[in-house]
Amino acid sequence: MAASIVSPVAGQLLRCLVLAGDEVSPDTEVAIVEAMKMHIPVSADRSGRVARWLVAEQSLVSEGQPLLVLEG
């Protein structure tokens, strides 16, 4: 089963902290989004393997926009 992790706010995807193929567990920080000069960590809400990123670093993202796909 695949699920996506979404951006909690509109801003810029500053850093991807995991790579495709990495295993994550709940509360693993997967990315940092910058909004209004604040760095907001994005965490996994479940366990899985990162299948692929949907957004490149430094891209602008919307609130609720899927950032990556988790499998498993």
PDB file of N, CA and C in Angstrom:
ATOM      1  N   MET A   1       0.845  -1.176   0.000  1.00  0.00           N
ATOM      2  CA  MET A   1       0.000   0.000   0.000  1.00  0.00           C
ATOM      3  C   MET A   1       0.894   1.243   0.000  1.00  0.00           C
ATOM      4  N   ALA A   2       0.600   2.194  -0.846  1.00  0.00           N
ATOM      5  CA  ALA A   2       1.386   3.426  -0.935  1.00  0.00           C
ATOM      6  C   ALA A   2       0.608   4.582  -0.315  1.00  0.00           C
ATOM      7  N   ALA A   3       1.341   5.499   0.268  1.00  0.00           N
ATOM      8  CA  ALA A   3       0.759   6.707   0.854  1.00  0.00           C
ATOM      9  C   ALA A   3       1.738   7.841   0.639  1.00  0.00           C
ATOM     10  N   SER A   4       1.232   9.051   0.649  1.00  0.00           N
ATOM     11  CA  SER A   4       2.131  10.195   0.468  1.00  0.00           C
ATOM     12  C   SER A   4       2.263  10.980   1.768  1.00  0.00           C
ATOM     13  N   ILE A   5       3.387  11.664   1.869  1.00  0.00           N
ATOM     14  CA  ILE A   5       3.614  12.608   2.964  1.00  0.00           C
ATOM     15  C   ILE A   5       3.458  13.982   2.351  1.00  0.00           C
ATOM     16  N   VAL A   6       2.661  14.832   2.985  1.00  0.00           N
ATOM     17  CA  VAL A   6       2.328  16.132   2.416  1.00  0.00           C
ATOM     18  C   VAL A   6       2.987  17.269   3.186  1.00  0.00           C
ATOM     19  N   SER A   7       3.083  18.404   2.521  1.00  0.00           N
ATOM     20  CA  SER A   7       3.628  19.600   3.155  1.00  0.00           C
ATOM     21  C   SER A   7       2.603  20.177   4.133  1.00  0.00           C
ATOM     22  N   PRO A   8       3.024  20.493   5.353  1.00  0.00           N
ATOM     23  CA  PRO A   8       2.085  21.056   6.321  1.00  0.00           C
ATOM     24  C   PRO A   8       1.760  22.527   6.063  1.00  0.00           C
ATOM     25  N   VAL A   9       2.610  23.207   5.285  1.00  0.00           N
ATOM     26  CA  VAL A   9       2.432  24.637   5.008  1.00  0.00           C
ATOM     27  C   VAL A   9       2.874  24.944   3.580  1.00  0.00           C
ATOM     28  N   ALA A  10       2.467  26.100   3.088  1.00  0.00           N
ATOM     29  CA  ALA A  10       2.984  26.595   1.813  1.00  0.00           C
ATOM     30  C   ALA A  10       4.356  27.211   2.070  1.00  0.00           C
ATOM     31  N   GLY A  11       5.287  26.946   1.176  1.00  0.00           N
ATOM     32  CA  GLY A  11       6.632  27.488   1.343  1.00  0.00           C
ATOM     33  C   GLY A  11       7.581  26.887   0.327  1.00  0.00           C
ATOM     34  N   GLN A  12       8.841  26.752   0.717  1.00  0.00           N
ATOM     35  CA  GLN A  12       9.873  26.194  -0.148  1.00  0.00           C
ATOM     36  C   GLN A  12      10.415  24.918   0.482  1.00  0.00           C
ATOM     37  N   LEU A  13      10.501  23.853  -0.317  1.00  0.00           N
ATOM     38  CA  LEU A  13      11.103  22.617   0.165  1.00  0.00           C
ATOM     39  C   LEU A  13      12.607  22.853   0.249  1.00  0.00           C
ATOM     40  N   LEU A  14      13.065  23.117   1.449  1.00  0.00           N
ATOM     41  CA  LEU A  14      14.448  23.514   1.668  1.00  0.00           C
ATOM     42  C   LEU A  14      15.400  22.329   1.550  1.00  0.00           C
ATOM     43  N   ARG A  15      15.072  21.220   2.244  1.00  0.00           N
ATOM     44  CA  ARG A  15      15.959  20.050   2.240  1.00  0.00           C
ATOM     45  C   ARG A  15      15.162  18.765   2.290  1.00  0.00           C
ATOM     46  N   CYS A  16      15.616  17.783   1.510  1.00  0.00           N
ATOM     47  CA  CYS A  16      15.118  16.412   1.600  1.00  0.00           C
ATOM     48  C   CYS A  16      16.082  15.666   2.518  1.00  0.00           C
ATOM     49  N   LEU A  17      15.595  15.086   3.590  1.00  0.00           N
ATOM     50  CA  LEU A  17      16.449  14.454   4.585  1.00  0.00           C
ATOM     51  C   LEU A  17      16.576  12.948   4.418  1.00  0.00           C
ATOM     52  N   VAL A  18      15.781  12.361   3.525  1.00  0.00           N
ATOM     53  CA  VAL A  18      15.856  10.928   3.236  1.00  0.00           C
ATOM     54  C   VAL A  18      15.916  10.755   1.723  1.00  0.00           C
ATOM     55  N   LEU A  19      16.387   9.592   1.298  1.00  0.00           N
ATOM     56  CA  LEU A  19      16.515   9.282  -0.119  1.00  0.00           C
ATOM     57  C   LEU A  19      15.544   8.182  -0.512  1.00  0.00           C
ATOM     58  N   ALA A  20      15.265   8.075  -1.808  1.00  0.00           N
ATOM     59  CA  ALA A  20      14.460   6.967  -2.304  1.00  0.00           C
ATOM     60  C   ALA A  20      15.141   5.671  -1.879  1.00  0.00           C
ATOM     61  N   GLY A  21      14.357   4.742  -1.350  1.00  0.00           N
ATOM     62  CA  GLY A  21      14.891   3.470  -0.869  1.00  0.00           C
ATOM     63  C   GLY A  21      15.106   3.430   0.632  1.00  0.00           C
ATOM     64  N   ASP A  22      15.164   4.589   1.282  1.00  0.00           N
ATOM     65  CA  ASP A  22      15.350   4.633   2.736  1.00  0.00           C
ATOM     66  C   ASP A  22      14.093   4.144   3.448  1.00  0.00           C
ATOM     67  N   GLU A  23      14.294   3.464   4.560  1.00  0.00           N
ATOM     68  CA  GLU A  23      13.197   3.045   5.433  1.00  0.00           C
ATOM     69  C   GLU A  23      12.976   4.137   6.476  1.00  0.00           C
ATOM     70  N   VAL A  24      11.714   4.472   6.724  1.00  0.00           N
ATOM     71  CA  VAL A  24      11.382   5.464   7.744  1.00  0.00           C
ATOM     72  C   VAL A  24      10.361   4.868   8.707  1.00  0.00           C
ATOM     73  N   SER A  25      10.313   5.430   9.886  1.00  0.00           N
ATOM     74  CA  SER A  25       9.320   5.032  10.882  1.00  0.00           C
ATOM     75  C   SER A  25       8.544   6.281  11.289  1.00  0.00           C
ATOM     76  N   PRO A  26       7.452   6.099  12.018  1.00  0.00           N
ATOM     77  CA  PRO A  26       6.697   7.278  12.443  1.00  0.00           C
ATOM     78  C   PRO A  26       7.600   8.267  13.182  1.00  0.00           C
ATOM     79  N   ASP A  27       7.417   9.519  12.903  1.00  0.00           N
ATOM     80  CA  ASP A  27       8.153  10.637  13.501  1.00  0.00           C
ATOM     81  C   ASP A  27       9.561  10.824  12.952  1.00  0.00           C
ATOM     82  N   THR A  28       9.968  10.056  11.924  1.00  0.00           N
ATOM     83  CA  THR A  28      11.237  10.306  11.248  1.00  0.00           C
ATOM     84  C   THR A  28      11.099  11.596  10.441  1.00  0.00           C
ATOM     85  N   GLU A  29      12.012  12.544  10.653  1.00  0.00           N
ATOM     86  CA  GLU A  29      11.984  13.775   9.852  1.00  0.00           C
ATOM     87  C   GLU A  29      12.455  13.451   8.442  1.00  0.00           C
ATOM     88  N   VAL A  30      11.626  13.803   7.462  1.00  0.00           N
ATOM     89  CA  VAL A  30      11.939  13.482   6.069  1.00  0.00           C
ATOM     90  C   VAL A  30      12.303  14.714   5.250  1.00  0.00           C
ATOM     91  N   ALA A  31      11.905  15.899   5.712  1.00  0.00           N
ATOM     92  CA  ALA A  31      12.159  17.120   4.948  1.00  0.00           C
ATOM     93  C   ALA A  31      12.055  18.341   5.849  1.00  0.00           C
ATOM     94  N   ILE A  32      12.563  19.456   5.324  1.00  0.00           N
ATOM     95  CA  ILE A  32      12.416  20.757   5.970  1.00  0.00           C
ATOM     96  C   ILE A  32      11.773  21.700   4.956  1.00  0.00           C
ATOM     97  N   VAL A  33      10.677  22.322   5.354  1.00  0.00           N
ATOM     98  CA  VAL A  33      10.011  23.329   4.534  1.00  0.00           C
ATOM     99  C   VAL A  33      10.239  24.681   5.187  1.00  0.00           C
ATOM    100  N   GLU A  34      10.588  25.677   4.387  1.00  0.00           N
ATOM    101  CA  GLU A  34      10.781  27.027   4.902  1.00  0.00           C
ATOM    102  C   GLU A  34       9.573  27.872   4.524  1.00  0.00           C
ATOM    103  N   ALA A  35       9.015  28.536   5.526  1.00  0.00           N
ATOM    104  CA  ALA A  35       7.878  29.432   5.316  1.00  0.00           C
ATOM    105  C   ALA A  35       8.075  30.652   6.200  1.00  0.00           C
ATOM    106  N   MET A  36       8.088  31.821   5.598  1.00  0.00           N
ATOM    107  CA  MET A  36       8.260  33.074   6.327  1.00  0.00           C
ATOM    108  C   MET A  36       9.511  33.037   7.211  1.00  0.00           C
ATOM    109  N   LYS A  37      10.611  32.506   6.667  1.00  0.00           N
ATOM    110  CA  LYS A  37      11.919  32.433   7.330  1.00  0.00           C
ATOM    111  C   LYS A  37      11.950  31.473   8.518  1.00  0.00           C
ATOM    112  N   MET A  38      10.905  30.649   8.652  1.00  0.00           N
ATOM    113  CA  MET A  38      10.873  29.617   9.691  1.00  0.00           C
ATOM    114  C   MET A  38      11.103  28.266   9.039  1.00  0.00           C
ATOM    115  N   HIS A  39      11.882  27.413   9.681  1.00  0.00           N
ATOM    116  CA  HIS A  39      12.130  26.062   9.191  1.00  0.00           C
ATOM    117  C   HIS A  39      11.156  25.118   9.882  1.00  0.00           C
ATOM    118  N   ILE A  40      10.328  24.449   9.074  1.00  0.00           N
ATOM    119  CA  ILE A  40       9.297  23.566   9.603  1.00  0.00           C
ATOM    120  C   ILE A  40       9.643  22.131   9.230  1.00  0.00           C
ATOM    121  N   PRO A  41       9.898  21.266  10.217  1.00  0.00           N
ATOM    122  CA  PRO A  41      10.206  19.868   9.908  1.00  0.00           C
ATOM    123  C   PRO A  41       8.951  19.126   9.441  1.00  0.00           C
ATOM    124  N   VAL A  42       9.141  18.231   8.490  1.00  0.00           N
ATOM    125  CA  VAL A  42       8.064  17.371   7.997  1.00  0.00           C
ATOM    126  C   VAL A  42       8.435  15.951   8.410  1.00  0.00           C
ATOM    127  N   SER A  43       7.543  15.299   9.131  1.00  0.00           N
ATOM    128  CA  SER A  43       7.814  13.956   9.645  1.00  0.00           C
ATOM    129  C   SER A  43       6.885  12.929   9.025  1.00  0.00           C
ATOM    130  N   ALA A  44       7.383  11.692   8.951  1.00  0.00           N
ATOM    131  CA  ALA A  44       6.552  10.574   8.496  1.00  0.00           C
ATOM    132  C   ALA A  44       5.494  10.297   9.555  1.00  0.00           C
ATOM    133  N   ASP A  45       4.321   9.906   9.116  1.00  0.00           N
ATOM    134  CA  ASP A  45       3.260   9.566  10.062  1.00  0.00           C
ATOM    135  C   ASP A  45       3.067   8.060  10.176  1.00  0.00           C
ATOM    136  N   ARG A  46       3.874   7.308   9.400  1.00  0.00           N
ATOM    137  CA  ARG A  46       3.811   5.845   9.458  1.00  0.00           C
ATOM    138  C   ARG A  46       5.124   5.266   8.967  1.00  0.00           C
ATOM    139  N   SER A  47       5.305   3.982   9.136  1.00  0.00           N
ATOM    140  CA  SER A  47       6.510   3.308   8.663  1.00  0.00           C
ATOM    141  C   SER A  47       6.377   2.989   7.178  1.00  0.00           C
ATOM    142  N   GLY A  48       7.510   2.894   6.510  1.00  0.00           N
ATOM    143  CA  GLY A  48       7.513   2.508   5.105  1.00  0.00           C
ATOM    144  C   GLY A  48       8.850   2.780   4.457  1.00  0.00           C
ATOM    145  N   ARG A  49       8.924   2.500   3.164  1.00  0.00           N
ATOM    146  CA  ARG A  49      10.117   2.752   2.370  1.00  0.00           C
ATOM    147  C   ARG A  49       9.809   3.896   1.429  1.00  0.00           C
ATOM    148  N   VAL A  50      10.735   4.841   1.323  1.00  0.00           N
ATOM    149  CA  VAL A  50      10.549   5.974   0.414  1.00  0.00           C
ATOM    150  C   VAL A  50      10.618   5.449  -1.015  1.00  0.00           C
ATOM    151  N   ALA A  51       9.506   5.519  -1.740  1.00  0.00           N
ATOM    152  CA  ALA A  51       9.460   5.041  -3.117  1.00  0.00           C
ATOM    153  C   ALA A  51      10.049   6.086  -4.061  1.00  0.00           C
ATOM    154  N   ARG A  52       9.613   7.335  -3.893  1.00  0.00           N
ATOM    155  CA  ARG A  52      10.127   8.411  -4.755  1.00  0.00           C
ATOM    156  C   ARG A  52       9.696   9.769  -4.210  1.00  0.00           C
ATOM    157  N   TRP A  53      10.518  10.761  -4.527  1.00  0.00           N
ATOM    158  CA  TRP A  53      10.181  12.151  -4.224  1.00  0.00           C
ATOM    159  C   TRP A  53       9.343  12.692  -5.377  1.00  0.00           C
ATOM    160  N   LEU A  54       8.348  13.489  -5.056  1.00  0.00           N
ATOM    161  CA  LEU A  54       7.492  14.109  -6.066  1.00  0.00           C
ATOM    162  C   LEU A  54       7.879  15.559  -6.324  1.00  0.00           C
ATOM    163  N   VAL A  55       8.689  16.126  -5.432  1.00  0.00           N
ATOM    164  CA  VAL A  55       9.085  17.533  -5.497  1.00  0.00           C
ATOM    165  C   VAL A  55      10.594  17.616  -5.294  1.00  0.00           C
ATOM    166  N   ALA A  56      11.266  18.462  -6.057  1.00  0.00           N
ATOM    167  CA  ALA A  56      12.712  18.642  -5.920  1.00  0.00           C
ATOM    168  C   ALA A  56      13.020  19.679  -4.847  1.00  0.00           C
ATOM    169  N   GLU A  57      14.208  19.559  -4.234  1.00  0.00           N
ATOM    170  CA  GLU A  57      14.653  20.575  -3.284  1.00  0.00           C
ATOM    171  C   GLU A  57      14.615  21.950  -3.930  1.00  0.00           C
ATOM    172  N   GLN A  58      14.321  22.948  -3.124  1.00  0.00           N
ATOM    173  CA  GLN A  58      14.237  24.359  -3.510  1.00  0.00           C
ATOM    174  C   GLN A  58      12.962  24.708  -4.279  1.00  0.00           C
ATOM    175  N   SER A  59      12.080  23.723  -4.496  1.00  0.00           N
ATOM    176  CA  SER A  59      10.813  23.984  -5.179  1.00  0.00           C
ATOM    177  C   SER A  59       9.811  24.611  -4.216  1.00  0.00           C
ATOM    178  N   LEU A  60       8.919  25.419  -4.765  1.00  0.00           N
ATOM    179  CA  LEU A  60       7.817  25.967  -3.975  1.00  0.00           C
ATOM    180  C   LEU A  60       6.735  24.907  -3.856  1.00  0.00           C
ATOM    181  N   VAL A  61       6.156  24.802  -2.662  1.00  0.00           N
ATOM    182  CA  VAL A  61       5.108  23.813  -2.415  1.00  0.00           C
ATOM    183  C   VAL A  61       3.904  24.494  -1.785  1.00  0.00           C
ATOM    184  N   SER A  62       2.751  23.886  -1.979  1.00  0.00           N
ATOM    185  CA  SER A  62       1.502  24.367  -1.393  1.00  0.00           C
ATOM    186  C   SER A  62       1.190  23.567  -0.143  1.00  0.00           C
ATOM    187  N   GLU A  63       0.389  24.128   0.735  1.00  0.00           N
ATOM    188  CA  GLU A  63      -0.071  23.385   1.901  1.00  0.00           C
ATOM    189  C   GLU A  63      -0.854  22.175   1.429  1.00  0.00           C
ATOM    190  N   GLY A  64      -0.522  21.001   1.950  1.00  0.00           N
ATOM    191  CA  GLY A  64      -1.215  19.778   1.578  1.00  0.00           C
ATOM    192  C   GLY A  64      -0.678  19.094   0.324  1.00  0.00           C
ATOM    193  N   GLN A  65       0.314  19.675  -0.329  1.00  0.00           N
ATOM    194  CA  GLN A  65       0.883  19.099  -1.545  1.00  0.00           C
ATOM    195  C   GLN A  65       1.722  17.865  -1.192  1.00  0.00           C
ATOM    196  N   PRO A  66       1.501  16.746  -1.881  1.00  0.00           N
ATOM    197  CA  PRO A  66       2.321  15.553  -1.637  1.00  0.00           C
ATOM    198  C   PRO A  66       3.794  15.828  -1.973  1.00  0.00           C
ATOM    199  N   LEU A  67       4.683  15.429  -1.065  1.00  0.00           N
ATOM    200  CA  LEU A  67       6.113  15.615  -1.250  1.00  0.00           C
ATOM    201  C   LEU A  67       6.814  14.340  -1.688  1.00  0.00           C
ATOM    202  N   LEU A  68       6.403  13.217  -1.090  1.00  0.00           N
ATOM    203  CA  LEU A  68       7.024  11.940  -1.419  1.00  0.00           C
ATOM    204  C   LEU A  68       6.030  10.822  -1.241  1.00  0.00           C
ATOM    205  N   VAL A  69       6.362   9.662  -1.811  1.00  0.00           N
ATOM    206  CA  VAL A  69       5.500   8.477  -1.726  1.00  0.00           C
ATOM    207  C   VAL A  69       6.197   7.436  -0.867  1.00  0.00           C
ATOM    208  N   LEU A  70       5.460   6.902   0.112  1.00  0.00           N
ATOM    209  CA  LEU A  70       5.929   5.802   0.948  1.00  0.00           C
ATOM    210  C   LEU A  70       5.227   4.508   0.526  1.00  0.00           C
ATOM    211  N   GLU A  71       5.981   3.419   0.491  1.00  0.00           N
ATOM    212  CA  GLU A  71       5.418   2.103   0.222  1.00  0.00           C
ATOM    213  C   GLU A  71       5.606   1.223   1.449  1.00  0.00           C
ATOM    214  N   GLY A  72       4.675   0.300   1.615  1.00  0.00           N
ATOM    215  CA  GLY A  72       4.825  -0.667   2.691  1.00  0.00           C
ATOM    216  C   GLY A  72       4.027  -0.364   3.909  1.00  0.00           C
TER     217      GLY A  72
END
